Amino acid sequence: MDTANRPAQSTNRSAAAPSAIATLLSRYLTGEIGERVWNRIMKTIDFSGMSLYERRAYVRFMNDMADDGGLQLRAVPQPAEMSSILQDIRF
């Protein structure tokens, strides 16, 4: 079979890079994120008022916060606070 004339297959970056939730979980499992912070993040993610896109953005934001110096419990919004934030940013 001659493969020289075949077009190159595109690389799916998302398949190679870990998902944001996997990165967050890894941070929890390695102790970078404490138990109380993890529980608050999970309660917020499970919050029924968040859409899939909002949950994804929230997880990416939590990873960015961890990158910028760690996650502290006081910096992670409570689910009720998240509801208020979401109402402010939704169109």
PDB file of N, CA and C in Angstrom:
ATOM      1  N   MET A   1       0.841  -1.178   0.000  1.00  0.00           N
ATOM      2  CA  MET A   1       0.000   0.000   0.000  1.00  0.00           C
ATOM      3  C   MET A   1       0.882   1.236   0.000  1.00  0.00           C
ATOM      4  N   ASP A   2       0.610   2.138  -0.895  1.00  0.00           N
ATOM      5  CA  ASP A   2       1.397   3.357  -1.022  1.00  0.00           C
ATOM      6  C   ASP A   2       0.819   4.431  -0.104  1.00  0.00           C
ATOM      7  N   THR A   3       1.568   4.801   0.940  1.00  0.00           N
ATOM      8  CA  THR A   3       1.096   5.820   1.872  1.00  0.00           C
ATOM      9  C   THR A   3       1.680   7.197   1.576  1.00  0.00           C
ATOM     10  N   ALA A   4       2.604   7.291   0.623  1.00  0.00           N
ATOM     11  CA  ALA A   4       3.243   8.566   0.320  1.00  0.00           C
ATOM     12  C   ALA A   4       2.261   9.587  -0.239  1.00  0.00           C
ATOM     13  N   ASN A   5       1.228   9.134  -0.950  1.00  0.00           N
ATOM     14  CA  ASN A   5       0.276  10.058  -1.557  1.00  0.00           C
ATOM     15  C   ASN A   5      -0.954  10.306  -0.692  1.00  0.00           C
ATOM     16  N   ARG A   6      -1.001   9.721   0.487  1.00  0.00           N
ATOM     17  CA  ARG A   6      -2.139   9.928   1.379  1.00  0.00           C
ATOM     18  C   ARG A   6      -2.018  11.265   2.097  1.00  0.00           C
ATOM     19  N   PRO A   7      -3.135  11.947   2.278  1.00  0.00           N
ATOM     20  CA  PRO A   7      -3.072  13.193   3.047  1.00  0.00           C
ATOM     21  C   PRO A   7      -2.771  12.885   4.507  1.00  0.00           C
ATOM     22  N   ALA A   8      -2.073  13.792   5.152  1.00  0.00           N
ATOM     23  CA  ALA A   8      -1.762  13.601   6.574  1.00  0.00           C
ATOM     24  C   ALA A   8      -3.054  13.655   7.374  1.00  0.00           C
ATOM     25  N   GLN A   9      -3.151  12.789   8.353  1.00  0.00           N
ATOM     26  CA  GLN A   9      -4.328  12.787   9.215  1.00  0.00           C
ATOM     27  C   GLN A   9      -4.198  13.915  10.220  1.00  0.00           C
ATOM     28  N   SER A  10      -5.312  14.562  10.480  1.00  0.00           N
ATOM     29  CA  SER A  10      -5.274  15.647  11.452  1.00  0.00           C
ATOM     30  C   SER A  10      -5.134  15.066  12.857  1.00  0.00           C
ATOM     31  N   THR A  11      -4.463  15.813  13.686  1.00  0.00           N
ATOM     32  CA  THR A  11      -4.265  15.395  15.066  1.00  0.00           C
ATOM     33  C   THR A  11      -5.331  16.038  15.924  1.00  0.00           C
ATOM     34  N   ASN A  12      -6.021  15.245  16.689  1.00  0.00           N
ATOM     35  CA  ASN A  12      -7.036  15.754  17.597  1.00  0.00           C
ATOM     36  C   ASN A  12      -6.348  16.153  18.892  1.00  0.00           C
ATOM     37  N   ARG A  13      -6.204  17.453  19.123  1.00  0.00           N
ATOM     38  CA  ARG A  13      -5.499  17.943  20.306  1.00  0.00           C
ATOM     39  C   ARG A  13      -6.190  17.523  21.587  1.00  0.00           C
ATOM     40  N   SER A  14      -7.517  17.503  21.591  1.00  0.00           N
ATOM     41  CA  SER A  14      -8.229  17.172  22.817  1.00  0.00           C
ATOM     42  C   SER A  14      -7.991  15.723  23.232  1.00  0.00           C
ATOM     43  N   ALA A  15      -7.703  14.861  22.281  1.00  0.00           N
ATOM     44  CA  ALA A  15      -7.423  13.470  22.624  1.00  0.00           C
ATOM     45  C   ALA A  15      -6.049  13.342  23.276  1.00  0.00           C
ATOM     46  N   ALA A  16      -5.113  14.210  22.894  1.00  0.00           N
ATOM     47  CA  ALA A  16      -3.763  14.139  23.428  1.00  0.00           C
ATOM     48  C   ALA A  16      -3.647  14.883  24.758  1.00  0.00           C
ATOM     49  N   ALA A  17      -4.332  15.985  24.895  1.00  0.00           N
ATOM     50  CA  ALA A  17      -4.245  16.788  26.112  1.00  0.00           C
ATOM     51  C   ALA A  17      -5.269  16.303  27.133  1.00  0.00           C
ATOM     52  N   PRO A  18      -4.891  16.307  28.414  1.00  0.00           N
ATOM     53  CA  PRO A  18      -5.869  15.900  29.428  1.00  0.00           C
ATOM     54  C   PRO A  18      -6.994  16.926  29.526  1.00  0.00           C
ATOM     55  N   SER A  19      -8.173  16.456  29.841  1.00  0.00           N
ATOM     56  CA  SER A  19      -9.294  17.372  29.999  1.00  0.00           C
ATOM     57  C   SER A  19      -9.088  18.197  31.263  1.00  0.00           C
ATOM     58  N   ALA A  20      -9.800  19.303  31.329  1.00  0.00           N
ATOM     59  CA  ALA A  20      -9.675  20.190  32.486  1.00  0.00           C
ATOM     60  C   ALA A  20     -10.103  19.487  33.764  1.00  0.00           C
ATOM     61  N   ILE A  21     -11.150  18.669  33.696  1.00  0.00           N
ATOM     62  CA  ILE A  21     -11.609  17.971  34.906  1.00  0.00           C
ATOM     63  C   ILE A  21     -10.591  16.917  35.328  1.00  0.00           C
ATOM     64  N   ALA A  22      -9.928  16.283  34.348  1.00  0.00           N
ATOM     65  CA  ALA A  22      -8.891  15.306  34.679  1.00  0.00           C
ATOM     66  C   ALA A  22      -7.712  15.997  35.352  1.00  0.00           C
ATOM     67  N   THR A  23      -7.375  17.184  34.880  1.00  0.00           N
ATOM     68  CA  THR A  23      -6.295  17.955  35.498  1.00  0.00           C
ATOM     69  C   THR A  23      -6.659  18.338  36.921  1.00  0.00           C
ATOM     70  N   LEU A  24      -7.891  18.774  37.109  1.00  0.00           N
ATOM     71  CA  LEU A  24      -8.353  19.151  38.446  1.00  0.00           C
ATOM     72  C   LEU A  24      -8.341  17.942  39.377  1.00  0.00           C
ATOM     73  N   LEU A  25      -8.813  16.810  38.893  1.00  0.00           N
ATOM     74  CA  LEU A  25      -8.803  15.586  39.687  1.00  0.00           C
ATOM     75  C   LEU A  25      -7.377  15.189  40.049  1.00  0.00           C
ATOM     76  N   SER A  26      -6.472  15.297  39.113  1.00  0.00           N
ATOM     77  CA  SER A  26      -5.071  14.985  39.368  1.00  0.00           C
ATOM     78  C   SER A  26      -4.511  15.883  40.472  1.00  0.00           C
ATOM     79  N   ARG A  27      -4.877  17.130  40.427  1.00  0.00           N
ATOM     80  CA  ARG A  27      -4.424  18.061  41.474  1.00  0.00           C
ATOM     81  C   ARG A  27      -4.961  17.664  42.837  1.00  0.00           C
ATOM     82  N   TYR A  28      -6.172  17.206  42.881  1.00  0.00           N
ATOM     83  CA  TYR A  28      -6.758  16.745  44.141  1.00  0.00           C
ATOM     84  C   TYR A  28      -6.044  15.479  44.634  1.00  0.00           C
ATOM     85  N   LEU A  29      -5.840  14.525  43.738  1.00  0.00           N
ATOM     86  CA  LEU A  29      -5.222  13.259  44.125  1.00  0.00           C
ATOM     87  C   LEU A  29      -3.774  13.412  44.578  1.00  0.00           C
ATOM     88  N   THR A  30      -3.083  14.421  44.062  1.00  0.00           N
ATOM     89  CA  THR A  30      -1.691  14.643  44.460  1.00  0.00           C
ATOM     90  C   THR A  30      -1.571  15.579  45.656  1.00  0.00           C
ATOM     91  N   GLY A  31      -2.694  16.065  46.159  1.00  0.00           N
ATOM     92  CA  GLY A  31      -2.673  16.916  47.346  1.00  0.00           C
ATOM     93  C   GLY A  31      -2.519  18.396  47.072  1.00  0.00           C
ATOM     94  N   GLU A  32      -2.473  18.788  45.814  1.00  0.00           N
ATOM     95  CA  GLU A  32      -2.370  20.201  45.471  1.00  0.00           C
ATOM     96  C   GLU A  32      -3.656  20.943  45.836  1.00  0.00           C
ATOM     97  N   ILE A  33      -4.771  20.229  45.777  1.00  0.00           N
ATOM     98  CA  ILE A  33      -6.074  20.767  46.184  1.00  0.00           C
ATOM     99  C   ILE A  33      -6.525  19.985  47.404  1.00  0.00           C
ATOM    100  N   GLY A  34      -6.847  20.697  48.472  1.00  0.00           N
ATOM    101  CA  GLY A  34      -7.280  20.059  49.710  1.00  0.00           C
ATOM    102  C   GLY A  34      -8.700  19.516  49.641  1.00  0.00           C
ATOM    103  N   GLU A  35      -9.043  18.712  50.626  1.00  0.00           N
ATOM    104  CA  GLU A  35     -10.352  18.048  50.692  1.00  0.00           C
ATOM    105  C   GLU A  35     -11.512  19.047  50.728  1.00  0.00           C
ATOM    106  N   ARG A  36     -11.403  20.063  51.573  1.00  0.00           N
ATOM    107  CA  ARG A  36     -12.505  21.032  51.694  1.00  0.00           C
ATOM    108  C   ARG A  36     -12.686  21.825  50.403  1.00  0.00           C
ATOM    109  N   VAL A  37     -11.590  22.197  49.752  1.00  0.00           N
ATOM    110  CA  VAL A  37     -11.664  22.920  48.483  1.00  0.00           C
ATOM    111  C   VAL A  37     -12.288  22.019  47.419  1.00  0.00           C
ATOM    112  N   TRP A  38     -11.828  20.762  47.356  1.00  0.00           N
ATOM    113  CA  TRP A  38     -12.365  19.811  46.376  1.00  0.00           C
ATOM    114  C   TRP A  38     -13.867  19.629  46.572  1.00  0.00           C
ATOM    115  N   ASN A  39     -14.299  19.470  47.814  1.00  0.00           N
ATOM    116  CA  ASN A  39     -15.727  19.281  48.086  1.00  0.00           C
ATOM    117  C   ASN A  39     -16.543  20.491  47.639  1.00  0.00           C
ATOM    118  N   ARG A  40     -16.017  21.675  47.858  1.00  0.00           N
ATOM    119  CA  ARG A  40     -16.748  22.868  47.432  1.00  0.00           C
ATOM    120  C   ARG A  40     -16.816  22.942  45.909  1.00  0.00           C
ATOM    121  N   ILE A  41     -15.713  22.630  45.247  1.00  0.00           N
ATOM    122  CA  ILE A  41     -15.705  22.630  43.777  1.00  0.00           C
ATOM    123  C   ILE A  41     -16.725  21.628  43.248  1.00  0.00           C
ATOM    124  N   MET A  42     -16.737  20.423  43.811  1.00  0.00           N
ATOM    125  CA  MET A  42     -17.665  19.389  43.345  1.00  0.00           C
ATOM    126  C   MET A  42     -19.117  19.772  43.602  1.00  0.00           C
ATOM    127  N   LYS A  43     -19.399  20.378  44.742  1.00  0.00           N
ATOM    128  CA  LYS A  43     -20.765  20.834  45.020  1.00  0.00           C
ATOM    129  C   LYS A  43     -21.197  21.872  43.999  1.00  0.00           C
ATOM    130  N   THR A  44     -20.286  22.746  43.631  1.00  0.00           N
ATOM    131  CA  THR A  44     -20.606  23.777  42.642  1.00  0.00           C
ATOM    132  C   THR A  44     -20.802  23.167  41.268  1.00  0.00           C
ATOM    133  N   ILE A  45     -19.937  22.216  40.897  1.00  0.00           N
ATOM    134  CA  ILE A  45     -20.087  21.547  39.593  1.00  0.00           C
ATOM    135  C   ILE A  45     -21.411  20.798  39.531  1.00  0.00           C
ATOM    136  N   ASP A  46     -21.791  20.167  40.628  1.00  0.00           N
ATOM    137  CA  ASP A  46     -23.040  19.410  40.659  1.00  0.00           C
ATOM    138  C   ASP A  46     -24.273  20.305  40.731  1.00  0.00           C
ATOM    139  N   PHE A  47     -24.055  21.589  40.953  1.00  0.00           N
ATOM    140  CA  PHE A  47     -25.149  22.535  41.045  1.00  0.00           C
ATOM    141  C   PHE A  47     -25.999  22.441  39.788  1.00  0.00           C
ATOM    142  N   SER A  48     -27.270  22.184  39.951  1.00  0.00           N
ATOM    143  CA  SER A  48     -28.140  21.890  38.811  1.00  0.00           C
ATOM    144  C   SER A  48     -28.389  23.070  37.890  1.00  0.00           C
ATOM    145  N   GLY A  49     -28.100  24.273  38.321  1.00  0.00           N
ATOM    146  CA  GLY A  49     -28.371  25.434  37.481  1.00  0.00           C
ATOM    147  C   GLY A  49     -27.300  25.734  36.456  1.00  0.00           C
ATOM    148  N   MET A  50     -26.207  24.993  36.472  1.00  0.00           N
ATOM    149  CA  MET A  50     -25.108  25.256  35.549  1.00  0.00           C
ATOM    150  C   MET A  50     -25.261  24.409  34.293  1.00  0.00           C
ATOM    151  N   SER A  51     -25.050  25.050  33.140  1.00  0.00           N
ATOM    152  CA  SER A  51     -25.067  24.308  31.883  1.00  0.00           C
ATOM    153  C   SER A  51     -23.732  23.587  31.715  1.00  0.00           C
ATOM    154  N   LEU A  52     -23.652  22.720  30.727  1.00  0.00           N
ATOM    155  CA  LEU A  52     -22.410  22.010  30.431  1.00  0.00           C
ATOM    156  C   LEU A  52     -21.278  22.999  30.160  1.00  0.00           C
ATOM    157  N   TYR A  53     -21.555  24.018  29.375  1.00  0.00           N
ATOM    158  CA  TYR A  53     -20.537  25.012  29.033  1.00  0.00           C
ATOM    159  C   TYR A  53     -20.089  25.792  30.267  1.00  0.00           C
ATOM    160  N   GLU A  54     -21.029  26.106  31.136  1.00  0.00           N
ATOM    161  CA  GLU A  54     -20.684  26.825  32.361  1.00  0.00           C
ATOM    162  C   GLU A  54     -19.837  25.956  33.289  1.00  0.00           C
ATOM    163  N   ARG A  55     -20.156  24.675  33.374  1.00  0.00           N
ATOM    164  CA  ARG A  55     -19.334  23.767  34.196  1.00  0.00           C
ATOM    165  C   ARG A  55     -17.931  23.666  33.637  1.00  0.00           C
ATOM    166  N   ARG A  56     -17.818  23.548  32.314  1.00  0.00           N
ATOM    167  CA  ARG A  56     -16.490  23.476  31.692  1.00  0.00           C
ATOM    168  C   ARG A  56     -15.682  24.741  31.964  1.00  0.00           C
ATOM    169  N   ALA A  57     -16.328  25.891  31.821  1.00  0.00           N
ATOM    170  CA  ALA A  57     -15.642  27.156  32.075  1.00  0.00           C
ATOM    171  C   ALA A  57     -15.224  27.257  33.540  1.00  0.00           C
ATOM    172  N   TYR A  58     -16.079  26.817  34.432  1.00  0.00           N
ATOM    173  CA  TYR A  58     -15.779  26.848  35.868  1.00  0.00           C
ATOM    174  C   TYR A  58     -14.563  25.984  36.187  1.00  0.00           C
ATOM    175  N   VAL A  59     -14.500  24.782  35.634  1.00  0.00           N
ATOM    176  CA  VAL A  59     -13.374  23.879  35.878  1.00  0.00           C
ATOM    177  C   VAL A  59     -12.084  24.488  35.314  1.00  0.00           C
ATOM    178  N   ARG A  60     -12.156  25.060  34.122  1.00  0.00           N
ATOM    179  CA  ARG A  60     -10.961  25.712  33.564  1.00  0.00           C
ATOM    180  C   ARG A  60     -10.522  26.874  34.449  1.00  0.00           C
ATOM    181  N   PHE A  61     -11.491  27.625  34.965  1.00  0.00           N
ATOM    182  CA  PHE A  61     -11.181  28.744  35.854  1.00  0.00           C
ATOM    183  C   PHE A  61     -10.515  28.255  37.136  1.00  0.00           C
ATOM    184  N   MET A  62     -11.005  27.160  37.702  1.00  0.00           N
ATOM    185  CA  MET A  62     -10.392  26.607  38.913  1.00  0.00           C
ATOM    186  C   MET A  62      -8.957  26.161  38.633  1.00  0.00           C
ATOM    187  N   ASN A  63      -8.717  25.571  37.468  1.00  0.00           N
ATOM    188  CA  ASN A  63      -7.353  25.185  37.088  1.00  0.00           C
ATOM    189  C   ASN A  63      -6.468  26.418  36.925  1.00  0.00           C
ATOM    190  N   ASP A  64      -7.004  27.479  36.324  1.00  0.00           N
ATOM    191  CA  ASP A  64      -6.235  28.717  36.183  1.00  0.00           C
ATOM    192  C   ASP A  64      -5.881  29.293  37.545  1.00  0.00           C
ATOM    193  N   MET A  65      -6.827  29.252  38.467  1.00  0.00           N
ATOM    194  CA  MET A  65      -6.557  29.743  39.819  1.00  0.00           C
ATOM    195  C   MET A  65      -5.465  28.913  40.480  1.00  0.00           C
ATOM    196  N   ALA A  66      -5.512  27.604  40.293  1.00  0.00           N
ATOM    197  CA  ALA A  66      -4.491  26.731  40.865  1.00  0.00           C
ATOM    198  C   ALA A  66      -3.132  27.033  40.245  1.00  0.00           C
ATOM    199  N   ASP A  67      -3.112  27.318  38.940  1.00  0.00           N
ATOM    200  CA  ASP A  67      -1.866  27.673  38.258  1.00  0.00           C
ATOM    201  C   ASP A  67      -1.284  28.977  38.798  1.00  0.00           C
ATOM    202  N   ASP A  68      -2.157  29.882  39.185  1.00  0.00           N
ATOM    203  CA  ASP A  68      -1.728  31.221  39.619  1.00  0.00           C
ATOM    204  C   ASP A  68      -1.368  31.293  41.099  1.00  0.00           C
ATOM    205  N   GLY A  69      -1.238  30.172  41.753  1.00  0.00           N
ATOM    206  CA  GLY A  69      -0.799  30.240  43.145  1.00  0.00           C
ATOM    207  C   GLY A  69      -1.596  29.395  44.109  1.00  0.00           C
ATOM    208  N   GLY A  70      -2.408  28.539  43.607  1.00  0.00           N
ATOM    209  CA  GLY A  70      -3.124  27.625  44.486  1.00  0.00           C
ATOM    210  C   GLY A  70      -4.548  28.052  44.765  1.00  0.00           C
ATOM    211  N   LEU A  71      -5.325  27.080  45.114  1.00  0.00           N
ATOM    212  CA  LEU A  71      -6.730  27.316  45.426  1.00  0.00           C
ATOM    213  C   LEU A  71      -6.900  27.347  46.941  1.00  0.00           C
ATOM    214  N   GLN A  72      -7.475  28.409  47.411  1.00  0.00           N
ATOM    215  CA  GLN A  72      -7.804  28.538  48.822  1.00  0.00           C
ATOM    216  C   GLN A  72      -9.314  28.449  48.970  1.00  0.00           C
ATOM    217  N   LEU A  73      -9.781  27.897  50.073  1.00  0.00           N
ATOM    218  CA  LEU A  73     -11.214  27.698  50.276  1.00  0.00           C
ATOM    219  C   LEU A  73     -11.988  29.003  50.111  1.00  0.00           C
ATOM    220  N   ARG A  74     -11.449  30.078  50.620  1.00  0.00           N
ATOM    221  CA  ARG A  74     -12.170  31.362  50.544  1.00  0.00           C
ATOM    222  C   ARG A  74     -12.284  31.890  49.113  1.00  0.00           C
ATOM    223  N   ALA A  75     -11.459  31.397  48.197  1.00  0.00           N
ATOM    224  CA  ALA A  75     -11.483  31.861  46.809  1.00  0.00           C
ATOM    225  C   ALA A  75     -12.447  31.076  45.932  1.00  0.00           C
ATOM    226  N   VAL A  76     -12.930  29.941  46.427  1.00  0.00           N
ATOM    227  CA  VAL A  76     -13.824  29.084  45.637  1.00  0.00           C
ATOM    228  C   VAL A  76     -15.269  29.449  45.983  1.00  0.00           C
ATOM    229  N   PRO A  77     -16.036  29.894  44.985  1.00  0.00           N
ATOM    230  CA  PRO A  77     -17.420  30.292  45.283  1.00  0.00           C
ATOM    231  C   PRO A  77     -18.285  29.119  45.751  1.00  0.00           C
ATOM    232  N   GLN A  78     -19.196  29.428  46.652  1.00  0.00           N
ATOM    233  CA  GLN A  78     -20.205  28.459  47.086  1.00  0.00           C
ATOM    234  C   GLN A  78     -21.207  28.295  45.950  1.00  0.00           C
ATOM    235  N   PRO A  79     -21.935  27.160  45.919  1.00  0.00           N
ATOM    236  CA  PRO A  79     -22.955  26.988  44.868  1.00  0.00           C
ATOM    237  C   PRO A  79     -23.957  28.144  44.793  1.00  0.00           C
ATOM    238  N   ALA A  80     -24.397  28.656  45.939  1.00  0.00           N
ATOM    239  CA  ALA A  80     -25.348  29.772  45.929  1.00  0.00           C
ATOM    240  C   ALA A  80     -24.716  31.028  45.341  1.00  0.00           C
ATOM    241  N   GLU A  81     -23.448  31.256  45.641  1.00  0.00           N
ATOM    242  CA  GLU A  81     -22.744  32.402  45.053  1.00  0.00           C
ATOM    243  C   GLU A  81     -22.628  32.233  43.544  1.00  0.00           C
ATOM    244  N   MET A  82     -22.400  30.994  43.118  1.00  0.00           N
ATOM    245  CA  MET A  82     -22.276  30.716  41.692  1.00  0.00           C
ATOM    246  C   MET A  82     -23.588  31.031  40.977  1.00  0.00           C
ATOM    247  N   SER A  83     -24.696  30.754  41.615  1.00  0.00           N
ATOM    248  CA  SER A  83     -26.000  31.063  41.035  1.00  0.00           C
ATOM    249  C   SER A  83     -26.115  32.560  40.761  1.00  0.00           C
ATOM    250  N   SER A  84     -25.697  33.353  41.711  1.00  0.00           N
ATOM    251  CA  SER A  84     -25.739  34.805  41.549  1.00  0.00           C
ATOM    252  C   SER A  84     -24.801  35.273  40.444  1.00  0.00           C
ATOM    253  N   ILE A  85     -23.614  34.704  40.393  1.00  0.00           N
ATOM    254  CA  ILE A  85     -22.644  35.056  39.353  1.00  0.00           C
ATOM    255  C   ILE A  85     -23.209  34.694  37.975  1.00  0.00           C
ATOM    256  N   LEU A  86     -23.791  33.510  37.866  1.00  0.00           N
ATOM    257  CA  LEU A  86     -24.341  33.065  36.580  1.00  0.00           C
ATOM    258  C   LEU A  86     -25.483  33.967  36.118  1.00  0.00           C
ATOM    259  N   GLN A  87     -26.321  34.409  37.065  1.00  0.00           N
ATOM    260  CA  GLN A  87     -27.422  35.313  36.692  1.00  0.00           C
ATOM    261  C   GLN A  87     -26.873  36.624  36.147  1.00  0.00           C
ATOM    262  N   ASP A  88     -25.751  37.076  36.698  1.00  0.00           N
ATOM    263  CA  ASP A  88     -25.159  38.340  36.250  1.00  0.00           C
ATOM    264  C   ASP A  88     -24.545  38.230  34.858  1.00  0.00           C
ATOM    265  N   ILE A  89     -24.024  37.046  34.484  1.00  0.00           N
ATOM    266  CA  ILE A  89     -23.314  36.949  33.210  1.00  0.00           C
ATOM    267  C   ILE A  89     -24.151  36.368  32.078  1.00  0.00           C
ATOM    268  N   ARG A  90     -25.276  35.767  32.394  1.00  0.00           N
ATOM    269  CA  ARG A  90     -26.125  35.205  31.335  1.00  0.00           C
ATOM    270  C   ARG A  90     -26.832  36.316  30.596  1.00  0.00           C
ATOM    271  N   PHE A  91     -27.058  36.088  29.317  1.00  0.00           N
ATOM    272  CA  PHE A  91     -27.747  37.087  28.498  1.00  0.00           C
ATOM    273  C   PHE A  91     -29.226  36.894  28.575  1.00  0.00           C
TER     274      PHE A  91
END
